Amino acid sequence: MDRPIRRWALVPGLLVGAALLIAARAGQAAEGDGRDQRTVGAMRHLTGFKFENKPENLRSLFGEIRAAIARNDRRRASVLGYSLIPNESRIKAGLREDRAGGLASRIMALQQSQLPARLEEIYIIFAAEPALKEIRVHSATTEEIARSAEGPVASKDFPGAVRKIAERHLRPGVTFNVVELAGTRPEDSIRYHLIYWDGSQWSMLGPIWNGID
């Protein structure tokens, strides 16, 4: 399986065009409260996707990414996929205020080091096996993750490393989602972790516990 998927998801067992480049650079340069409307507007214009703070909207976003990959529309899949990659201000929206400063820049550096070299290849992160047709969304707040040392929420959707991240770093009151691409065999599922609503669109931290204590 392609390494970018492994970097951004848990697996058991140069230019796309001027418009995408502008959207990407605007996202990387954005500052403030994580609600850069110009970036969101650019994403909506490019993709026609309306971002909403609902689990079914997140499911639809992944569905459109997967559908674009299936019909070999790599440009659209990459634009949609890039919308999930947060800039520093969007990362801060998911972190505790007393931890957000230096940690946000560390997370952004970690993510940028794990992205494909070319923007047009962002789709690779989401190019799982076609047999994984079902898209499931599992949700829990920071508090629910932190106190789920035992039980189905902890064991099924949020590994122990996520609980430690929640206790130390995640913003209270925020709902974090796991998007699971599932097939007929549970052991083949792929999960994309720590996806949350940043105030304007969906942002994905991914398995940051691999690089953040």
Protein backbone atom coordinates (compact mmCIF):
# COMPACT_ATOMS: atom_id res chain seq x y z
CA MET A 1 0.00 0.00 0.00
CA ASP A 2 1.27 3.51 -0.82
CA ARG A 3 3.30 5.11 1.97
CA PRO A 4 1.29 8.38 2.03
CA ILE A 5 -1.78 6.41 3.12
CA ARG A 6 0.20 4.86 5.96
CA ARG A 7 1.36 8.31 7.08
CA TRP A 8 -2.14 9.78 7.22
CA ALA A 9 -4.32 6.79 8.09
CA LEU A 10 -4.20 3.73 10.28
CA VAL A 11 -3.98 0.54 8.26
CA PRO A 12 -4.34 -2.67 10.21
CA GLY A 13 -1.83 -5.28 9.75
CA LEU A 14 3.97 19.92 -9.73
CA LEU A 15 0.98 21.98 -10.13
CA VAL A 16 -2.61 21.00 -10.41
CA GLY A 17 -3.32 24.41 -11.86
CA ALA A 18 -3.11 28.03 -10.85
CA ALA A 19 -6.37 27.92 -8.91
CA LEU A 20 -5.30 25.01 -6.71
CA LEU A 21 -1.90 26.54 -6.14
CA ILE A 22 -3.48 29.81 -5.02
CA ALA A 23 -5.84 27.97 -2.67
CA ALA A 24 -2.97 25.96 -1.21
CA ARG A 25 -0.74 28.97 -0.65
CA ALA A 26 -3.61 30.97 0.83
CA GLY A 27 -4.24 28.12 3.25
CA GLN A 28 -0.60 27.91 4.30
CA ALA A 29 -0.31 31.67 4.80
CA ALA A 30 -3.59 32.21 6.62
CA GLU A 31 -3.39 33.66 10.12
CA GLY A 32 -5.93 34.51 12.80
CA ASP A 33 -8.72 32.39 14.20
CA GLY A 34 -8.64 29.56 11.66
CA ARG A 35 -11.60 30.81 9.63
CA ASP A 36 -9.95 32.14 6.47
CA GLN A 37 -13.03 32.67 4.33
CA ARG A 38 -10.99 33.33 1.19
CA THR A 39 -9.50 29.85 1.40
CA VAL A 40 -12.88 28.27 2.12
CA GLY A 41 -14.40 30.24 -0.74
CA ALA A 42 -11.66 29.07 -3.09
CA MET A 43 -12.24 25.46 -2.09
CA ARG A 44 -15.98 25.77 -2.60
CA HIS A 45 -15.48 27.40 -5.99
CA LEU A 46 -13.05 24.72 -7.13
CA THR A 47 -15.00 21.73 -5.88
CA GLY A 48 -18.61 22.84 -5.69
CA PHE A 49 -18.68 21.20 -2.27
CA LYS A 50 -20.58 22.90 0.54
CA PHE A 51 -18.91 22.31 3.89
CA GLU A 52 -21.28 21.79 6.82
CA ASN A 53 -20.70 20.80 10.43
CA LYS A 54 -22.57 17.50 10.20
CA PRO A 55 -21.26 13.91 10.24
CA GLU A 56 -23.11 13.17 7.01
CA ASN A 57 -21.33 16.10 5.35
CA LEU A 58 -17.95 14.64 6.33
CA ARG A 59 -19.07 11.29 4.96
CA SER A 60 -20.14 12.98 1.72
CA LEU A 61 -16.76 14.71 1.41
CA PHE A 62 -14.92 11.41 1.61
CA GLY A 63 -17.47 9.90 -0.76
CA GLU A 64 -16.75 12.57 -3.35
CA ILE A 65 -13.00 12.09 -2.96
CA ARG A 66 -13.35 8.35 -3.44
CA ALA A 67 -15.71 8.79 -6.39
CA ALA A 68 -13.29 11.18 -8.09
CA ILE A 69 -10.46 8.68 -7.65
CA ALA A 70 -12.64 5.89 -9.05
CA ARG A 71 -13.26 7.83 -12.28
CA ASN A 72 -9.59 8.88 -12.43
CA ASP A 73 -10.34 12.55 -11.81
CA ARG A 74 -7.18 13.06 -9.81
CA ARG A 75 -7.34 16.84 -9.93
CA ARG A 76 -10.73 16.99 -8.23
CA ALA A 77 -9.74 14.29 -5.74
CA SER A 78 -6.60 16.26 -4.86
CA VAL A 79 -8.47 19.54 -4.44
CA LEU A 80 -11.08 17.88 -2.22
CA GLY A 81 -8.40 16.05 -0.27
CA TYR A 82 -6.32 19.18 0.22
CA SER A 83 -9.31 20.87 1.83
CA LEU A 84 -8.75 18.53 4.80
CA ILE A 85 -5.12 19.54 5.30
CA PRO A 86 -5.14 22.43 7.82
CA ASN A 87 -2.92 25.45 7.99
CA GLU A 88 -1.52 26.56 11.33
CA SER A 89 -4.52 28.66 12.34
CA ARG A 90 -6.93 25.82 11.53
CA ILE A 91 -4.77 23.42 13.55
CA LYS A 92 -5.03 25.76 16.54
CA ALA A 93 -8.83 25.47 16.40
CA GLY A 94 -8.46 21.84 17.49
CA LEU A 95 -5.90 22.39 20.24
CA ARG A 96 -6.07 23.65 23.81
CA GLU A 97 -5.39 27.37 23.96
CA ASP A 98 -2.52 26.90 26.40
CA ARG A 99 -0.85 24.39 24.06
CA ALA A 100 -1.75 25.76 20.63
CA GLY A 101 1.18 28.11 19.98
CA GLY A 102 4.29 26.02 19.53
CA LEU A 103 2.43 22.76 19.08
CA ALA A 104 0.46 23.96 16.06
CA SER A 105 3.64 24.82 14.17
CA ARG A 106 5.14 21.44 15.06
CA ILE A 107 2.06 19.62 13.80
CA MET A 108 2.02 21.64 10.59
CA ALA A 109 5.70 20.87 9.97
CA LEU A 110 5.02 17.19 10.62
CA GLN A 111 2.11 17.17 8.18
CA GLN A 112 3.96 19.05 5.46
CA SER A 113 6.82 16.56 5.69
CA GLN A 114 4.35 13.73 5.07
CA LEU A 115 2.46 15.20 2.12
CA PRO A 116 3.17 13.99 -1.41
CA ALA A 117 5.81 16.11 -3.14
CA ARG A 118 3.35 17.44 -5.73
CA LEU A 119 -0.01 19.00 -4.97
CA GLU A 120 -1.61 17.02 -7.76
CA GLU A 121 -0.72 13.83 -5.88
CA ILE A 122 -2.67 14.63 -2.69
CA TYR A 123 -5.30 12.13 -3.86
CA ILE A 124 -2.82 9.31 -3.10
CA ILE A 125 -3.52 9.77 0.62
CA PHE A 126 -7.10 8.64 -0.02
CA ALA A 127 -6.46 6.03 -2.73
CA ALA A 128 -7.37 2.96 -0.69
CA GLU A 129 -8.50 -0.32 -2.22
CA PRO A 130 -11.71 0.02 -4.29
CA ALA A 131 -13.22 -2.84 -2.28
CA LEU A 132 -13.43 -0.54 0.75
CA LYS A 133 -16.74 0.91 -0.39
CA GLU A 134 -18.42 1.74 2.92
CA ILE A 135 -17.64 5.05 4.59
CA ARG A 136 -18.29 5.21 8.32
CA VAL A 137 -17.91 8.18 10.65
CA HIS A 138 -17.20 7.62 14.36
CA SER A 139 -17.40 10.66 16.64
CA ALA A 140 -16.47 11.61 20.20
CA THR A 141 -15.67 14.81 22.06
CA THR A 142 -12.29 15.51 23.57
CA GLU A 143 -13.68 14.70 27.00
CA GLU A 144 -15.22 11.41 25.83
CA ILE A 145 -11.95 10.33 24.26
CA ALA A 146 -9.91 11.28 27.32
CA ARG A 147 -12.07 9.33 29.77
CA SER A 148 -12.60 6.28 27.57
CA ALA A 149 -9.78 4.23 29.06
CA GLU A 150 -11.99 1.19 28.74
CA GLY A 151 -15.00 0.28 26.65
CA PRO A 152 -16.09 0.17 23.01
CA VAL A 153 -15.32 3.81 22.17
CA ALA A 154 -11.70 3.41 23.22
CA SER A 155 -11.06 -0.01 21.75
CA LYS A 156 -12.94 0.37 18.50
CA ASP A 157 -12.44 3.93 17.34
CA PHE A 158 -9.75 5.69 19.38
CA PRO A 159 -6.49 3.88 20.24
CA GLY A 160 -4.69 4.52 23.50
CA ALA A 161 -2.31 7.02 21.94
CA VAL A 162 -5.28 9.21 20.97
CA ARG A 163 -6.49 9.28 24.57
CA LYS A 164 -3.13 10.67 25.68
CA ILE A 165 -3.26 13.31 22.95
CA ALA A 166 -6.80 14.23 24.05
CA GLU A 167 -5.77 14.58 27.68
CA ARG A 168 -2.76 16.74 26.91
CA HIS A 169 -3.45 18.69 23.76
CA LEU A 170 -6.95 18.63 22.24
CA ARG A 171 -9.37 21.52 22.72
CA PRO A 172 -12.18 20.82 25.22
CA GLY A 173 -15.67 20.57 23.77
CA VAL A 174 -14.54 19.81 20.23
CA THR A 175 -15.93 16.73 18.49
CA PHE A 176 -13.29 14.64 16.74
CA ASN A 177 -14.17 12.13 14.06
CA VAL A 178 -12.65 8.98 12.66
CA VAL A 179 -13.54 8.22 9.05
CA GLU A 180 -13.35 4.51 8.35
CA LEU A 181 -13.18 3.03 4.87
CA ALA A 182 -14.59 -0.44 5.34
CA GLY A 183 -15.10 -3.54 3.26
CA THR A 184 -16.32 -7.04 3.91
CA ARG A 185 -13.38 -7.89 6.18
CA PRO A 186 -12.90 -5.72 9.30
CA GLU A 187 -9.15 -6.28 9.24
CA ASP A 188 -8.91 -4.47 5.88
CA SER A 189 -10.43 -1.22 7.13
CA ILE A 190 -8.52 2.06 6.91
CA ARG A 191 -9.14 4.87 9.39
CA TYR A 192 -8.44 8.58 9.07
CA HIS A 193 -8.07 10.11 12.53
CA LEU A 194 -8.76 13.34 14.39
CA ILE A 195 -10.98 15.13 11.87
CA TYR A 196 -12.87 18.09 13.32
CA TRP A 197 -14.84 21.17 12.32
CA ASP A 198 -12.48 24.15 12.53
CA GLY A 199 -15.21 26.77 12.31
CA SER A 200 -15.48 26.89 8.52
CA GLN A 201 -14.58 23.47 7.11
CA TRP A 202 -13.20 20.05 8.03
CA SER A 203 -9.61 19.71 9.20
CA MET A 204 -7.65 16.49 9.71
CA LEU A 205 -4.78 16.15 12.16
CA GLY A 206 -4.20 12.48 11.36
CA PRO A 207 -2.09 10.16 13.56
CA ILE A 208 -0.07 12.97 15.14
CA TRP A 209 0.80 10.74 18.10
CA ASN A 210 3.51 9.28 15.87
CA GLY A 211 5.41 12.57 16.13
CA ILE A 212 3.91 14.44 19.09
CA ASP A 213 4.17 13.42 22.76
